Amino acid sequence: MARRTVFRALKVCSIVGTVLILINQGDMVALGEFPPLWKILLTYLVPYCVSSYSTAMLLVEFNSTCTTPLEAPA
């Protein structure tokens, strides 16, 4: 996987995952409790997977229609 795809997915998952934790587990956090670790991990993993998959598919689609690949050297 391309370096910028991973970097973009990490940015997306850190923002979206944090917002989702606050929405879904905010009451628990407000009470001073810690949500289960598996819920936190899944909350960050799902946006990471969606972002990396969509970026990779965009690159594949773009590269199949262009003569010059979109991916820059790492």
PDB file of N, CA and C in Angstrom:
ATOM      1  N   MET A   1       0.842  -1.169   0.000  1.00  0.00           N
ATOM      2  CA  MET A   1       0.000   0.000   0.000  1.00  0.00           C
ATOM      3  C   MET A   1       0.893   1.239   0.000  1.00  0.00           C
ATOM      4  N   ALA A   2       0.461   2.237  -0.718  1.00  0.00           N
ATOM      5  CA  ALA A   2       1.245   3.459  -0.856  1.00  0.00           C
ATOM      6  C   ALA A   2       1.323   4.222   0.464  1.00  0.00           C
ATOM      7  N   ARG A   3       2.423   4.865   0.655  1.00  0.00           N
ATOM      8  CA  ARG A   3       2.674   5.603   1.891  1.00  0.00           C
ATOM      9  C   ARG A   3       1.625   6.688   2.138  1.00  0.00           C
ATOM     10  N   ARG A   4       1.262   7.420   1.090  1.00  0.00           N
ATOM     11  CA  ARG A   4       0.289   8.490   1.298  1.00  0.00           C
ATOM     12  C   ARG A   4      -1.115   7.948   1.537  1.00  0.00           C
ATOM     13  N   THR A   5      -1.408   6.763   1.036  1.00  0.00           N
ATOM     14  CA  THR A   5      -2.698   6.130   1.332  1.00  0.00           C
ATOM     15  C   THR A   5      -2.788   5.817   2.817  1.00  0.00           C
ATOM     16  N   VAL A   6      -1.723   5.280   3.374  1.00  0.00           N
ATOM     17  CA  VAL A   6      -1.692   4.959   4.803  1.00  0.00           C
ATOM     18  C   VAL A   6      -1.769   6.242   5.628  1.00  0.00           C
ATOM     19  N   PHE A   7      -1.024   7.264   5.244  1.00  0.00           N
ATOM     20  CA  PHE A   7      -1.031   8.528   5.981  1.00  0.00           C
ATOM     21  C   PHE A   7      -2.421   9.164   5.959  1.00  0.00           C
ATOM     22  N   ARG A   8      -3.062   9.160   4.797  1.00  0.00           N
ATOM     23  CA  ARG A   8      -4.412   9.719   4.684  1.00  0.00           C
ATOM     24  C   ARG A   8      -5.397   8.935   5.547  1.00  0.00           C
ATOM     25  N   ALA A   9      -5.303   7.618   5.516  1.00  0.00           N
ATOM     26  CA  ALA A   9      -6.198   6.785   6.316  1.00  0.00           C
ATOM     27  C   ALA A   9      -5.986   7.013   7.812  1.00  0.00           C
ATOM     28  N   LEU A  10      -4.736   7.218   8.223  1.00  0.00           N
ATOM     29  CA  LEU A  10      -4.459   7.502   9.633  1.00  0.00           C
ATOM     30  C   LEU A  10      -5.057   8.843  10.064  1.00  0.00           C
ATOM     31  N   LYS A  11      -4.976   9.839   9.199  1.00  0.00           N
ATOM     32  CA  LYS A  11      -5.582  11.134   9.521  1.00  0.00           C
ATOM     33  C   LYS A  11      -7.097  11.002   9.646  1.00  0.00           C
ATOM     34  N   VAL A  12      -7.700  10.309   8.689  1.00  0.00           N
ATOM     35  CA  VAL A  12      -9.158  10.143   8.709  1.00  0.00           C
ATOM     36  C   VAL A  12      -9.594   9.368   9.937  1.00  0.00           C
ATOM     37  N   CYS A  13      -8.919   8.264  10.246  1.00  0.00           N
ATOM     38  CA  CYS A  13      -9.355   7.454  11.380  1.00  0.00           C
ATOM     39  C   CYS A  13      -9.144   8.162  12.705  1.00  0.00           C
ATOM     40  N   SER A  14      -8.128   9.007  12.796  1.00  0.00           N
ATOM     41  CA  SER A  14      -7.930   9.715  14.062  1.00  0.00           C
ATOM     42  C   SER A  14      -9.027  10.745  14.294  1.00  0.00           C
ATOM     43  N   ILE A  15      -9.478  11.404  13.251  1.00  0.00           N
ATOM     44  CA  ILE A  15     -10.544  12.392  13.395  1.00  0.00           C
ATOM     45  C   ILE A  15     -11.901  11.712  13.543  1.00  0.00           C
ATOM     46  N   VAL A  16     -12.232  10.835  12.605  1.00  0.00           N
ATOM     47  CA  VAL A  16     -13.547  10.178  12.618  1.00  0.00           C
ATOM     48  C   VAL A  16     -13.681   9.268  13.838  1.00  0.00           C
ATOM     49  N   GLY A  17     -12.632   8.528  14.152  1.00  0.00           N
ATOM     50  CA  GLY A  17     -12.678   7.637  15.308  1.00  0.00           C
ATOM     51  C   GLY A  17     -12.909   8.383  16.607  1.00  0.00           C
ATOM     52  N   THR A  18     -12.256   9.521  16.770  1.00  0.00           N
ATOM     53  CA  THR A  18     -12.437  10.322  17.985  1.00  0.00           C
ATOM     54  C   THR A  18     -13.865  10.858  18.079  1.00  0.00           C
ATOM     55  N   VAL A  19     -14.391  11.344  16.963  1.00  0.00           N
ATOM     56  CA  VAL A  19     -15.774  11.833  16.955  1.00  0.00           C
ATOM     57  C   VAL A  19     -16.740  10.697  17.286  1.00  0.00           C
ATOM     58  N   LEU A  20     -16.520   9.528  16.704  1.00  0.00           N
ATOM     59  CA  LEU A  20     -17.403   8.385  16.981  1.00  0.00           C
ATOM     60  C   LEU A  20     -17.311   7.931  18.435  1.00  0.00           C
ATOM     61  N   ILE A  21     -16.123   7.974  19.008  1.00  0.00           N
ATOM     62  CA  ILE A  21     -15.983   7.620  20.434  1.00  0.00           C
ATOM     63  C   ILE A  21     -16.786   8.591  21.285  1.00  0.00           C
ATOM     64  N   LEU A  22     -16.677   9.878  20.973  1.00  0.00           N
ATOM     65  CA  LEU A  22     -17.422  10.870  21.747  1.00  0.00           C
ATOM     66  C   LEU A  22     -18.929  10.693  21.590  1.00  0.00           C
ATOM     67  N   ILE A  23     -19.380  10.352  20.399  1.00  0.00           N
ATOM     68  CA  ILE A  23     -20.813  10.139  20.176  1.00  0.00           C
ATOM     69  C   ILE A  23     -21.283   8.862  20.864  1.00  0.00           C
ATOM     70  N   ASN A  24     -20.574   7.768  20.634  1.00  0.00           N
ATOM     71  CA  ASN A  24     -21.041   6.462  21.109  1.00  0.00           C
ATOM     72  C   ASN A  24     -20.689   6.172  22.562  1.00  0.00           C
ATOM     73  N   GLN A  25     -19.580   6.683  23.037  1.00  0.00           N
ATOM     74  CA  GLN A  25     -19.132   6.373  24.394  1.00  0.00           C
ATOM     75  C   GLN A  25     -19.023   7.617  25.269  1.00  0.00           C
ATOM     76  N   GLY A  26     -19.534   8.744  24.797  1.00  0.00           N
ATOM     77  CA  GLY A  26     -19.396  10.005  25.510  1.00  0.00           C
ATOM     78  C   GLY A  26     -19.982   9.987  26.902  1.00  0.00           C
ATOM     79  N   ASP A  27     -21.128   9.318  27.074  1.00  0.00           N
ATOM     80  CA  ASP A  27     -21.734   9.256  28.403  1.00  0.00           C
ATOM     81  C   ASP A  27     -20.853   8.493  29.378  1.00  0.00           C
ATOM     82  N   MET A  28     -20.234   7.449  28.890  1.00  0.00           N
ATOM     83  CA  MET A  28     -19.343   6.655  29.729  1.00  0.00           C
ATOM     84  C   MET A  28     -18.099   7.464  30.121  1.00  0.00           C
ATOM     85  N   VAL A  29     -17.551   8.189  29.142  1.00  0.00           N
ATOM     86  CA  VAL A  29     -16.370   9.020  29.400  1.00  0.00           C
ATOM     87  C   VAL A  29     -16.723  10.152  30.362  1.00  0.00           C
ATOM     88  N   ALA A  30     -17.910  10.735  30.202  1.00  0.00           N
ATOM     89  CA  ALA A  30     -18.338  11.824  31.082  1.00  0.00           C
ATOM     90  C   ALA A  30     -18.478  11.361  32.531  1.00  0.00           C
ATOM     91  N   LEU A  31     -18.798  10.080  32.723  1.00  0.00           N
ATOM     92  CA  LEU A  31     -18.915   9.532  34.074  1.00  0.00           C
ATOM     93  C   LEU A  31     -17.565   9.106  34.644  1.00  0.00           C
ATOM     94  N   GLY A  32     -16.510   9.272  33.857  1.00  0.00           N
ATOM     95  CA  GLY A  32     -15.176   8.916  34.320  1.00  0.00           C
ATOM     96  C   GLY A  32     -14.829   7.458  34.123  1.00  0.00           C
ATOM     97  N   GLU A  33     -15.636   6.752  33.351  1.00  0.00           N
ATOM     98  CA  GLU A  33     -15.368   5.336  33.063  1.00  0.00           C
ATOM     99  C   GLU A  33     -14.636   5.227  31.732  1.00  0.00           C
ATOM    100  N   PHE A  34     -13.939   4.116  31.566  1.00  0.00           N
ATOM    101  CA  PHE A  34     -13.186   3.871  30.346  1.00  0.00           C
ATOM    102  C   PHE A  34     -13.917   2.824  29.516  1.00  0.00           C
ATOM    103  N   PRO A  35     -14.238   3.126  28.254  1.00  0.00           N
ATOM    104  CA  PRO A  35     -14.914   2.136  27.399  1.00  0.00           C
ATOM    105  C   PRO A  35     -14.023   0.911  27.197  1.00  0.00           C
ATOM    106  N   PRO A  36     -14.620  -0.233  26.897  1.00  0.00           N
ATOM    107  CA  PRO A  36     -13.815  -1.433  26.617  1.00  0.00           C
ATOM    108  C   PRO A  36     -12.832  -1.184  25.472  1.00  0.00           C
ATOM    109  N   LEU A  37     -11.643  -1.725  25.622  1.00  0.00           N
ATOM    110  CA  LEU A  37     -10.581  -1.511  24.640  1.00  0.00           C
ATOM    111  C   LEU A  37     -10.980  -1.989  23.247  1.00  0.00           C
ATOM    112  N   TRP A  38     -11.685  -3.103  23.155  1.00  0.00           N
ATOM    113  CA  TRP A  38     -12.064  -3.628  21.840  1.00  0.00           C
ATOM    114  C   TRP A  38     -12.999  -2.663  21.112  1.00  0.00           C
ATOM    115  N   LYS A  39     -13.847  -1.946  21.842  1.00  0.00           N
ATOM    116  CA  LYS A  39     -14.728  -0.964  21.207  1.00  0.00           C
ATOM    117  C   LYS A  39     -13.929   0.221  20.674  1.00  0.00           C
ATOM    118  N   ILE A  40     -12.936   0.630  21.425  1.00  0.00           N
ATOM    119  CA  ILE A  40     -12.092   1.745  20.988  1.00  0.00           C
ATOM    120  C   ILE A  40     -11.312   1.346  19.734  1.00  0.00           C
ATOM    121  N   LEU A  41     -10.723   0.158  19.756  1.00  0.00           N
ATOM    122  CA  LEU A  41      -9.946  -0.302  18.607  1.00  0.00           C
ATOM    123  C   LEU A  41     -10.804  -0.421  17.352  1.00  0.00           C
ATOM    124  N   LEU A  42     -11.993  -0.998  17.480  1.00  0.00           N
ATOM    125  CA  LEU A  42     -12.882  -1.120  16.322  1.00  0.00           C
ATOM    126  C   LEU A  42     -13.351   0.239  15.821  1.00  0.00           C
ATOM    127  N   THR A  43     -13.564   1.159  16.745  1.00  0.00           N
ATOM    128  CA  THR A  43     -14.019   2.496  16.360  1.00  0.00           C
ATOM    129  C   THR A  43     -12.975   3.203  15.502  1.00  0.00           C
ATOM    130  N   TYR A  44     -11.711   2.949  15.735  1.00  0.00           N
ATOM    131  CA  TYR A  44     -10.658   3.536  14.909  1.00  0.00           C
ATOM    132  C   TYR A  44     -10.335   2.675  13.681  1.00  0.00           C
ATOM    133  N   LEU A  45     -10.492   1.370  13.796  1.00  0.00           N
ATOM    134  CA  LEU A  45     -10.151   0.477  12.692  1.00  0.00           C
ATOM    135  C   LEU A  45     -11.097   0.615  11.504  1.00  0.00           C
ATOM    136  N   VAL A  46     -12.378   0.762  11.772  1.00  0.00           N
ATOM    137  CA  VAL A  46     -13.357   0.834  10.677  1.00  0.00           C
ATOM    138  C   VAL A  46     -13.108   2.051   9.775  1.00  0.00           C
ATOM    139  N   PRO A  47     -12.971   3.276  10.306  1.00  0.00           N
ATOM    140  CA  PRO A  47     -12.682   4.392   9.393  1.00  0.00           C
ATOM    141  C   PRO A  47     -11.339   4.246   8.665  1.00  0.00           C
ATOM    142  N   TYR A  48     -10.351   3.625   9.323  1.00  0.00           N
ATOM    143  CA  TYR A  48      -9.066   3.392   8.671  1.00  0.00           C
ATOM    144  C   TYR A  48      -9.250   2.487   7.449  1.00  0.00           C
ATOM    145  N   CYS A  49      -9.975   1.394   7.636  1.00  0.00           N
ATOM    146  CA  CYS A  49     -10.199   0.452   6.528  1.00  0.00           C
ATOM    147  C   CYS A  49     -10.992   1.091   5.392  1.00  0.00           C
ATOM    148  N   VAL A  50     -12.032   1.828   5.726  1.00  0.00           N
ATOM    149  CA  VAL A  50     -12.852   2.474   4.700  1.00  0.00           C
ATOM    150  C   VAL A  50     -12.032   3.494   3.924  1.00  0.00           C
ATOM    151  N   SER A  51     -11.254   4.299   4.625  1.00  0.00           N
ATOM    152  CA  SER A  51     -10.449   5.320   3.964  1.00  0.00           C
ATOM    153  C   SER A  51      -9.363   4.708   3.086  1.00  0.00           C
ATOM    154  N   SER A  52      -8.655   3.722   3.601  1.00  0.00           N
ATOM    155  CA  SER A  52      -7.579   3.129   2.806  1.00  0.00           C
ATOM    156  C   SER A  52      -8.132   2.380   1.603  1.00  0.00           C
ATOM    157  N   TYR A  53      -9.251   1.697   1.767  1.00  0.00           N
ATOM    158  CA  TYR A  53      -9.864   0.978   0.649  1.00  0.00           C
ATOM    159  C   TYR A  53     -10.335   1.952  -0.426  1.00  0.00           C
ATOM    160  N   SER A  54     -11.027   3.015  -0.023  1.00  0.00           N
ATOM    161  CA  SER A  54     -11.547   3.955  -1.013  1.00  0.00           C
ATOM    162  C   SER A  54     -10.415   4.685  -1.738  1.00  0.00           C
ATOM    163  N   THR A  55      -9.353   5.026  -1.027  1.00  0.00           N
ATOM    164  CA  THR A  55      -8.213   5.675  -1.675  1.00  0.00           C
ATOM    165  C   THR A  55      -7.527   4.719  -2.644  1.00  0.00           C
ATOM    166  N   ALA A  56      -7.348   3.476  -2.232  1.00  0.00           N
ATOM    167  CA  ALA A  56      -6.708   2.486  -3.107  1.00  0.00           C
ATOM    168  C   ALA A  56      -7.542   2.239  -4.360  1.00  0.00           C
ATOM    169  N   MET A  57      -8.861   2.134  -4.213  1.00  0.00           N
ATOM    170  CA  MET A  57      -9.721   1.910  -5.374  1.00  0.00           C
ATOM    171  C   MET A  57      -9.735   3.122  -6.309  1.00  0.00           C
ATOM    172  N   LEU A  58      -9.671   4.313  -5.737  1.00  0.00           N
ATOM    173  CA  LEU A  58      -9.587   5.520  -6.557  1.00  0.00           C
ATOM    174  C   LEU A  58      -8.302   5.500  -7.379  1.00  0.00           C
ATOM    175  N   LEU A  59      -7.191   5.137  -6.752  1.00  0.00           N
ATOM    176  CA  LEU A  59      -5.916   5.080  -7.469  1.00  0.00           C
ATOM    177  C   LEU A  59      -5.941   4.020  -8.561  1.00  0.00           C
ATOM    178  N   VAL A  60      -6.526   2.873  -8.266  1.00  0.00           N
ATOM    179  CA  VAL A  60      -6.624   1.808  -9.279  1.00  0.00           C
ATOM    180  C   VAL A  60      -7.471   2.277 -10.454  1.00  0.00           C
ATOM    181  N   GLU A  61      -8.608   2.880 -10.157  1.00  0.00           N
ATOM    182  CA  GLU A  61      -9.499   3.351 -11.220  1.00  0.00           C
ATOM    183  C   GLU A  61      -8.837   4.457 -12.045  1.00  0.00           C
ATOM    184  N   PHE A  62      -8.204   5.387 -11.353  1.00  0.00           N
ATOM    185  CA  PHE A  62      -7.553   6.491 -12.053  1.00  0.00           C
ATOM    186  C   PHE A  62      -6.411   5.979 -12.921  1.00  0.00           C
ATOM    187  N   ASN A  63      -5.604   5.080 -12.376  1.00  0.00           N
ATOM    188  CA  ASN A  63      -4.450   4.562 -13.127  1.00  0.00           C
ATOM    189  C   ASN A  63      -4.875   3.703 -14.309  1.00  0.00           C
ATOM    190  N   SER A  64      -6.045   3.083 -14.233  1.00  0.00           N
ATOM    191  CA  SER A  64      -6.492   2.262 -15.357  1.00  0.00           C
ATOM    192  C   SER A  64      -7.015   3.115 -16.510  1.00  0.00           C
ATOM    193  N   THR A  65      -7.376   4.377 -16.228  1.00  0.00           N
ATOM    194  CA  THR A  65      -7.881   5.243 -17.294  1.00  0.00           C
ATOM    195  C   THR A  65      -6.851   6.240 -17.793  1.00  0.00           C
ATOM    196  N   CYS A  66      -5.699   6.324 -17.132  1.00  0.00           N
ATOM    197  CA  CYS A  66      -4.659   7.280 -17.527  1.00  0.00           C
ATOM    198  C   CYS A  66      -3.415   6.549 -17.993  1.00  0.00           C
ATOM    199  N   THR A  67      -2.645   7.246 -18.795  1.00  0.00           N
ATOM    200  CA  THR A  67      -1.381   6.651 -19.225  1.00  0.00           C
ATOM    201  C   THR A  67      -0.258   6.946 -18.246  1.00  0.00           C
ATOM    202  N   THR A  68      -0.417   8.012 -17.449  1.00  0.00           N
ATOM    203  CA  THR A  68       0.567   8.357 -16.427  1.00  0.00           C
ATOM    204  C   THR A  68       0.009   8.002 -15.067  1.00  0.00           C
ATOM    205  N   PRO A  69       0.656   7.098 -14.298  1.00  0.00           N
ATOM    206  CA  PRO A  69       0.141   6.715 -12.996  1.00  0.00           C
ATOM    207  C   PRO A  69       0.067   7.908 -12.038  1.00  0.00           C
ATOM    208  N   LEU A  70      -0.933   7.890 -11.173  1.00  0.00           N
ATOM    209  CA  LEU A  70      -1.149   8.967 -10.211  1.00  0.00           C
ATOM    210  C   LEU A  70      -0.169   8.888  -9.050  1.00  0.00           C
ATOM    211  N   GLU A  71       0.233   7.698  -8.666  1.00  0.00           N
ATOM    212  CA  GLU A  71       1.064   7.499  -7.488  1.00  0.00           C
ATOM    213  C   GLU A  71       2.448   8.083  -7.670  1.00  0.00           C
ATOM    214  N   ALA A  72       2.817   8.961  -6.753  1.00  0.00           N
ATOM    215  CA  ALA A  72       4.156   9.557  -6.787  1.00  0.00           C
ATOM    216  C   ALA A  72       5.132   8.649  -6.053  1.00  0.00           C
ATOM    217  N   PRO A  73       6.416   8.729  -6.347  1.00  0.00           N
ATOM    218  CA  PRO A  73       7.391   7.911  -5.631  1.00  0.00           C
ATOM    219  C   PRO A  73       7.422   8.261  -4.151  1.00  0.00           C
ATOM    220  N   ALA A  74       7.625   7.263  -3.323  1.00  0.00           N
ATOM    221  CA  ALA A  74       7.618   7.477  -1.862  1.00  0.00           C
ATOM    222  C   ALA A  74       8.907   8.072  -1.361  1.00  0.00           C
TER     223      ALA A  74
END
